[in-house]
């Protein structure tokens, strides 16, 4: 049988424990939280990368996708213009206008 000790905590902390512990008793829940935190901290090393994307990673990815899309659209427009300088079809004119507007919107910010 383990030795029992008293732990004095703020009333707010006790309330959070009670709200989140489910069917566990307070002591087991606090022990679970401490063990979980210690396992996470001990498993992290200097060389370990996080298993999730950081905000910076996501922003880089987003900029890369925008740049790729912009390059594709510029290629598509230049290729289309080489085939026919003056499109005869009204639909082609409208598509060309929409594509140019789209390319302007996805250009990366300067500065």
N, C-alpha and C. Protein backbone atom coordinates (compact mmCIF):
# COMPACT_ATOMS: atom_id res chain seq x y z
N UNK A 1 0.85 -1.18 0.00
CA UNK A 1 0.00 0.00 0.00
C UNK A 1 0.89 1.23 0.00
N UNK A 2 0.55 2.23 -0.82
CA UNK A 2 1.38 3.42 -0.92
C UNK A 2 1.06 4.42 0.18
N UNK A 3 2.06 5.19 0.50
CA UNK A 3 1.93 6.20 1.54
C UNK A 3 1.10 7.36 1.02
N UNK A 4 0.18 7.86 1.81
CA UNK A 4 -0.70 8.96 1.42
C UNK A 4 -0.11 10.27 1.93
N UNK A 5 -0.15 11.29 1.08
CA UNK A 5 0.29 12.64 1.46
C UNK A 5 -0.78 13.63 1.03
N UNK A 6 -0.74 14.80 1.63
CA UNK A 6 -1.69 15.84 1.28
C UNK A 6 -1.01 16.83 0.34
N UNK A 7 -1.73 17.22 -0.68
CA UNK A 7 -1.25 18.19 -1.65
C UNK A 7 -2.19 19.38 -1.61
N UNK A 8 -1.66 20.54 -1.32
CA UNK A 8 -2.49 21.74 -1.24
C UNK A 8 -2.40 22.47 -2.58
N UNK A 9 -3.57 22.67 -3.20
CA UNK A 9 -3.63 23.35 -4.49
C UNK A 9 -4.68 24.43 -4.44
N UNK A 10 -4.61 25.36 -5.39
CA UNK A 10 -5.60 26.43 -5.47
C UNK A 10 -6.97 25.85 -5.77
N UNK A 11 -8.01 26.55 -5.36
CA UNK A 11 -9.38 26.10 -5.58
C UNK A 11 -9.68 25.98 -7.07
N UNK A 12 -9.16 26.89 -7.89
CA UNK A 12 -9.38 26.84 -9.33
C UNK A 12 -8.78 25.58 -9.95
N UNK A 13 -7.59 25.21 -9.49
CA UNK A 13 -6.95 24.00 -9.99
C UNK A 13 -7.76 22.77 -9.60
N UNK A 14 -8.24 22.74 -8.38
CA UNK A 14 -9.07 21.61 -7.92
C UNK A 14 -10.35 21.52 -8.75
N UNK A 15 -10.92 22.68 -9.09
CA UNK A 15 -12.13 22.70 -9.91
C UNK A 15 -11.84 22.16 -11.31
N UNK A 16 -10.70 22.55 -11.91
CA UNK A 16 -10.33 22.05 -13.24
C UNK A 16 -10.10 20.55 -13.21
N UNK A 17 -9.48 20.07 -12.14
CA UNK A 17 -9.24 18.63 -12.00
C UNK A 17 -10.58 17.91 -11.96
N UNK A 18 -11.51 18.41 -11.14
CA UNK A 18 -12.81 17.76 -11.01
C UNK A 18 -13.61 17.79 -12.32
N UNK A 19 -13.48 18.89 -13.07
CA UNK A 19 -14.22 19.02 -14.33
C UNK A 19 -13.68 18.08 -15.41
N UNK A 20 -12.41 17.71 -15.33
CA UNK A 20 -11.78 16.96 -16.42
C UNK A 20 -11.39 15.53 -16.09
N UNK A 21 -11.57 15.08 -14.87
CA UNK A 21 -11.05 13.77 -14.47
C UNK A 21 -11.94 12.61 -14.85
N UNK A 22 -13.16 12.87 -15.26
CA UNK A 22 -14.06 11.79 -15.64
C UNK A 22 -14.33 10.87 -14.47
N UNK A 23 -14.14 9.55 -14.67
CA UNK A 23 -14.42 8.59 -13.60
C UNK A 23 -13.22 8.33 -12.70
N UNK A 24 -12.07 8.95 -13.01
CA UNK A 24 -10.87 8.77 -12.18
C UNK A 24 -11.01 9.58 -10.89
N UNK A 25 -10.40 9.10 -9.82
CA UNK A 25 -10.40 9.95 -8.62
C UNK A 25 -9.31 11.01 -8.77
N UNK A 26 -9.35 12.02 -7.94
CA UNK A 26 -8.44 13.16 -8.06
C UNK A 26 -6.97 12.73 -8.05
N UNK A 27 -6.63 11.86 -7.13
CA UNK A 27 -5.24 11.43 -6.99
C UNK A 27 -4.75 10.72 -8.25
N UNK A 28 -5.56 9.80 -8.78
CA UNK A 28 -5.18 9.08 -9.99
C UNK A 28 -5.05 10.02 -11.19
N UNK A 29 -5.97 10.98 -11.28
CA UNK A 29 -5.95 11.92 -12.40
C UNK A 29 -4.70 12.80 -12.36
N UNK A 30 -4.36 13.31 -11.19
CA UNK A 30 -3.16 14.14 -11.05
C UNK A 30 -1.91 13.31 -11.35
N UNK A 31 -1.87 12.09 -10.87
CA UNK A 31 -0.73 11.21 -11.16
C UNK A 31 -0.63 10.93 -12.66
N UNK A 32 -1.77 10.72 -13.31
CA UNK A 32 -1.80 10.50 -14.76
C UNK A 32 -1.25 11.71 -15.50
N UNK A 33 -1.68 12.90 -15.12
CA UNK A 33 -1.20 14.12 -15.76
C UNK A 33 0.31 14.30 -15.60
N UNK A 34 0.79 14.05 -14.40
CA UNK A 34 2.22 14.20 -14.14
C UNK A 34 3.01 13.18 -14.95
N UNK A 35 2.58 11.93 -14.94
CA UNK A 35 3.28 10.88 -15.70
C UNK A 35 3.25 11.19 -17.21
N UNK A 36 2.11 11.66 -17.71
CA UNK A 36 2.01 11.99 -19.13
C UNK A 36 2.98 13.10 -19.50
N UNK A 37 3.05 14.12 -18.67
CA UNK A 37 3.94 15.24 -18.93
C UNK A 37 5.40 14.80 -18.86
N UNK A 38 5.73 13.97 -17.89
CA UNK A 38 7.11 13.51 -17.76
C UNK A 38 7.51 12.62 -18.94
N UNK A 39 6.60 11.79 -19.44
CA UNK A 39 6.89 10.94 -20.60
C UNK A 39 7.13 11.79 -21.83
N UNK A 40 6.30 12.81 -22.03
CA UNK A 40 6.47 13.70 -23.19
C UNK A 40 7.79 14.43 -23.11
N UNK A 41 8.12 14.96 -21.93
CA UNK A 41 9.36 15.71 -21.77
C UNK A 41 10.58 14.81 -21.94
N UNK A 42 10.51 13.58 -21.43
CA UNK A 42 11.67 12.70 -21.53
C UNK A 42 11.85 12.15 -22.94
N UNK A 43 10.77 12.06 -23.71
CA UNK A 43 10.89 11.54 -25.08
C UNK A 43 11.39 12.60 -26.06
N UNK A 44 11.32 13.85 -25.67
CA UNK A 44 11.82 14.92 -26.55
C UNK A 44 13.33 15.00 -26.43
N UNK A 45 13.98 15.11 -27.57
CA UNK A 45 15.42 15.31 -27.59
C UNK A 45 15.72 16.51 -28.46
N UNK A 46 16.97 16.93 -28.43
CA UNK A 46 17.37 18.08 -29.23
C UNK A 46 17.16 17.83 -30.71
N UNK A 47 17.42 16.60 -31.17
CA UNK A 47 17.34 16.31 -32.59
C UNK A 47 15.94 15.90 -33.05
N UNK A 48 15.02 15.64 -32.13
CA UNK A 48 13.69 15.19 -32.51
C UNK A 48 12.88 16.35 -33.09
N UNK A 49 12.27 16.09 -34.23
CA UNK A 49 11.41 17.09 -34.86
C UNK A 49 9.98 16.89 -34.36
N UNK A 50 9.20 17.95 -34.27
CA UNK A 50 7.82 17.78 -33.85
C UNK A 50 7.02 17.01 -34.90
N UNK A 51 5.97 16.34 -34.45
CA UNK A 51 5.15 15.54 -35.35
C UNK A 51 4.06 16.37 -36.00
N UNK A 52 4.11 17.66 -35.87
CA UNK A 52 3.10 18.53 -36.43
C UNK A 52 3.79 19.68 -37.15
N UNK A 53 3.03 20.35 -37.98
CA UNK A 53 3.57 21.49 -38.72
C UNK A 53 3.46 22.74 -37.85
N UNK A 54 4.53 23.50 -37.81
CA UNK A 54 4.48 24.76 -37.09
C UNK A 54 3.81 25.80 -37.98
N UNK A 55 3.49 26.92 -37.40
CA UNK A 55 2.87 28.00 -38.17
C UNK A 55 3.81 28.44 -39.29
N UNK A 56 5.09 28.51 -38.99
CA UNK A 56 6.07 28.93 -40.00
C UNK A 56 6.14 27.91 -41.13
N UNK A 57 6.11 26.61 -40.79
CA UNK A 57 6.10 25.56 -41.82
C UNK A 57 4.89 25.70 -42.72
N UNK A 58 3.74 25.93 -42.11
CA UNK A 58 2.51 26.07 -42.89
C UNK A 58 2.56 27.29 -43.78
N UNK A 59 3.07 28.40 -43.25
CA UNK A 59 3.16 29.62 -44.06
C UNK A 59 4.11 29.41 -45.25
N UNK A 60 5.22 28.71 -45.03
CA UNK A 60 6.15 28.40 -46.12
C UNK A 60 5.47 27.52 -47.16
N UNK A 61 4.74 26.52 -46.71
CA UNK A 61 4.00 25.64 -47.61
C UNK A 61 2.99 26.44 -48.43
N UNK A 62 2.25 27.32 -47.75
CA UNK A 62 1.23 28.13 -48.42
C UNK A 62 1.87 29.03 -49.48
N UNK A 63 2.98 29.66 -49.14
CA UNK A 63 3.67 30.52 -50.11
C UNK A 63 4.19 29.69 -51.28
N UNK A 64 4.70 28.51 -51.01
CA UNK A 64 5.19 27.63 -52.07
C UNK A 64 4.09 27.22 -53.03
N UNK A 65 2.92 26.89 -52.48
CA UNK A 65 1.79 26.51 -53.32
C UNK A 65 1.34 27.70 -54.16
N UNK A 66 1.27 28.88 -53.55
CA UNK A 66 0.88 30.08 -54.31
C UNK A 66 1.87 30.36 -55.44
N UNK A 67 3.15 30.22 -55.14
CA UNK A 67 4.17 30.45 -56.17
C UNK A 67 4.06 29.43 -57.30
N UNK A 68 3.85 28.18 -56.95
CA UNK A 68 3.68 27.13 -57.95
C UNK A 68 2.45 27.40 -58.82
N UNK A 69 1.36 27.77 -58.19
CA UNK A 69 0.14 28.08 -58.92
C UNK A 69 0.33 29.30 -59.83
N UNK A 70 0.99 30.31 -59.30
CA UNK A 70 1.24 31.52 -60.10
C UNK A 70 2.11 31.17 -61.31
N UNK A 71 3.16 30.38 -61.11
CA UNK A 71 4.02 29.98 -62.23
C UNK A 71 3.25 29.17 -63.26
N UNK A 72 2.40 28.27 -62.79
CA UNK A 72 1.60 27.48 -63.71
C UNK A 72 0.67 28.38 -64.51
N UNK A 73 0.02 29.32 -63.84
CA UNK A 73 -0.92 30.21 -64.53
C UNK A 73 -0.19 31.11 -65.53
N UNK A 74 0.98 31.61 -65.15
CA UNK A 74 1.75 32.43 -66.08
C UNK A 74 2.16 31.62 -67.30
N UNK A 75 2.56 30.37 -67.09
CA UNK A 75 2.91 29.49 -68.20
C UNK A 75 1.70 29.26 -69.09
N UNK A 76 0.57 28.97 -68.47
CA UNK A 76 -0.65 28.72 -69.22
C UNK A 76 -1.04 29.93 -70.06
N UNK A 77 -0.95 31.13 -69.45
CA UNK A 77 -1.30 32.35 -70.18
C UNK A 77 -0.33 32.61 -71.32
N UNK A 78 0.96 32.47 -71.06
CA UNK A 78 1.93 32.75 -72.12
C UNK A 78 1.82 31.72 -73.23
N UNK A 79 1.57 30.47 -72.91
CA UNK A 79 1.41 29.43 -73.92
C UNK A 79 0.16 29.70 -74.76
N UNK A 80 -0.93 30.08 -74.07
CA UNK A 80 -2.17 30.39 -74.78
C UNK A 80 -2.03 31.60 -75.68
N UNK A 81 -1.28 32.60 -75.25
CA UNK A 81 -1.09 33.80 -76.07
C UNK A 81 -0.21 33.52 -77.27
N UNK A 82 0.74 32.58 -77.13
CA UNK A 82 1.60 32.22 -78.26
C UNK A 82 0.80 31.53 -79.36
N UNK A 83 -0.19 30.73 -78.96
CA UNK A 83 -0.99 30.01 -79.95
C UNK A 83 -1.87 30.95 -80.75
N UNK A 84 -2.44 31.92 -80.08
CA UNK A 84 -3.28 32.89 -80.79
C UNK A 84 -3.22 34.22 -80.04
N UNK A 85 -2.65 35.20 -80.71
CA UNK A 85 -2.50 36.52 -80.08
C UNK A 85 -3.86 37.14 -79.77
N UNK A 86 -4.79 37.00 -80.69
CA UNK A 86 -6.11 37.61 -80.48
C UNK A 86 -7.17 36.52 -80.48
N UNK A 87 -7.62 36.15 -79.31
CA UNK A 87 -8.65 35.11 -79.28
C UNK A 87 -9.94 35.64 -79.89
N UNK A 88 -10.55 34.83 -80.74
CA UNK A 88 -11.78 35.24 -81.40
C UNK A 88 -13.00 34.96 -80.54
N UNK A 89 -12.87 34.03 -79.68
CA UNK A 89 -14.00 33.58 -78.87
C UNK A 89 -14.16 34.46 -77.64
N UNK A 90 -15.38 34.89 -77.36
CA UNK A 90 -15.63 35.71 -76.16
C UNK A 90 -15.34 34.94 -74.88
N UNK A 91 -15.60 33.66 -74.88
CA UNK A 91 -15.32 32.84 -73.70
C UNK A 91 -13.83 32.81 -73.41
N UNK A 92 -13.01 32.72 -74.46
CA UNK A 92 -11.55 32.72 -74.28
C UNK A 92 -11.08 34.06 -73.73
N UNK A 93 -11.67 35.14 -74.20
CA UNK A 93 -11.32 36.47 -73.68
C UNK A 93 -11.65 36.57 -72.19
N UNK A 94 -12.84 36.08 -71.83
CA UNK A 94 -13.25 36.13 -70.43
C UNK A 94 -12.34 35.26 -69.56
N UNK A 95 -12.00 34.07 -70.03
CA UNK A 95 -11.10 33.19 -69.30
C UNK A 95 -9.73 33.84 -69.12
N UNK A 96 -9.24 34.43 -70.17
CA UNK A 96 -7.95 35.11 -70.11
C UNK A 96 -7.98 36.24 -69.07
N UNK A 97 -9.05 37.00 -69.06
CA UNK A 97 -9.19 38.10 -68.09
C UNK A 97 -9.23 37.55 -66.65
N UNK A 98 -9.99 36.47 -66.45
CA UNK A 98 -10.09 35.88 -65.11
C UNK A 98 -8.75 35.31 -64.66
N UNK A 99 -8.02 34.68 -65.56
CA UNK A 99 -6.72 34.11 -65.21
C UNK A 99 -5.73 35.21 -64.84
N UNK A 100 -5.71 36.30 -65.59
CA UNK A 100 -4.81 37.41 -65.27
C UNK A 100 -5.14 38.00 -63.90
N UNK A 101 -6.43 38.14 -63.61
CA UNK A 101 -6.85 38.64 -62.30
C UNK A 101 -6.40 37.69 -61.20
N UNK A 102 -6.55 36.40 -61.44
CA UNK A 102 -6.15 35.40 -60.45
C UNK A 102 -4.65 35.43 -60.21
N UNK A 103 -3.87 35.52 -61.29
CA UNK A 103 -2.41 35.58 -61.15
C UNK A 103 -2.01 36.79 -60.33
N UNK A 104 -2.67 37.92 -60.56
CA UNK A 104 -2.36 39.13 -59.80
C UNK A 104 -2.67 38.94 -58.32
N UNK A 105 -3.72 38.19 -58.01
CA UNK A 105 -4.11 37.98 -56.61
C UNK A 105 -3.15 37.08 -55.86
N UNK A 106 -2.56 36.09 -56.53
CA UNK A 106 -1.70 35.14 -55.83
C UNK A 106 -0.24 35.51 -55.88
N UNK A 107 0.11 36.66 -56.44
CA UNK A 107 1.51 37.06 -56.45
C UNK A 107 1.97 37.26 -55.01
N UNK A 108 3.18 36.80 -54.71
CA UNK A 108 3.67 36.95 -53.34
C UNK A 108 3.88 38.43 -53.00
N UNK A 109 3.67 38.78 -51.73
CA UNK A 109 3.87 40.17 -51.33
C UNK A 109 5.35 40.54 -51.45
N UNK A 110 5.58 41.77 -51.87
CA UNK A 110 6.96 42.25 -51.99
C UNK A 110 7.39 42.86 -50.67
N UNK A 111 8.65 42.68 -50.34
CA UNK A 111 9.21 43.30 -49.15
C UNK A 111 9.44 42.40 -48.04
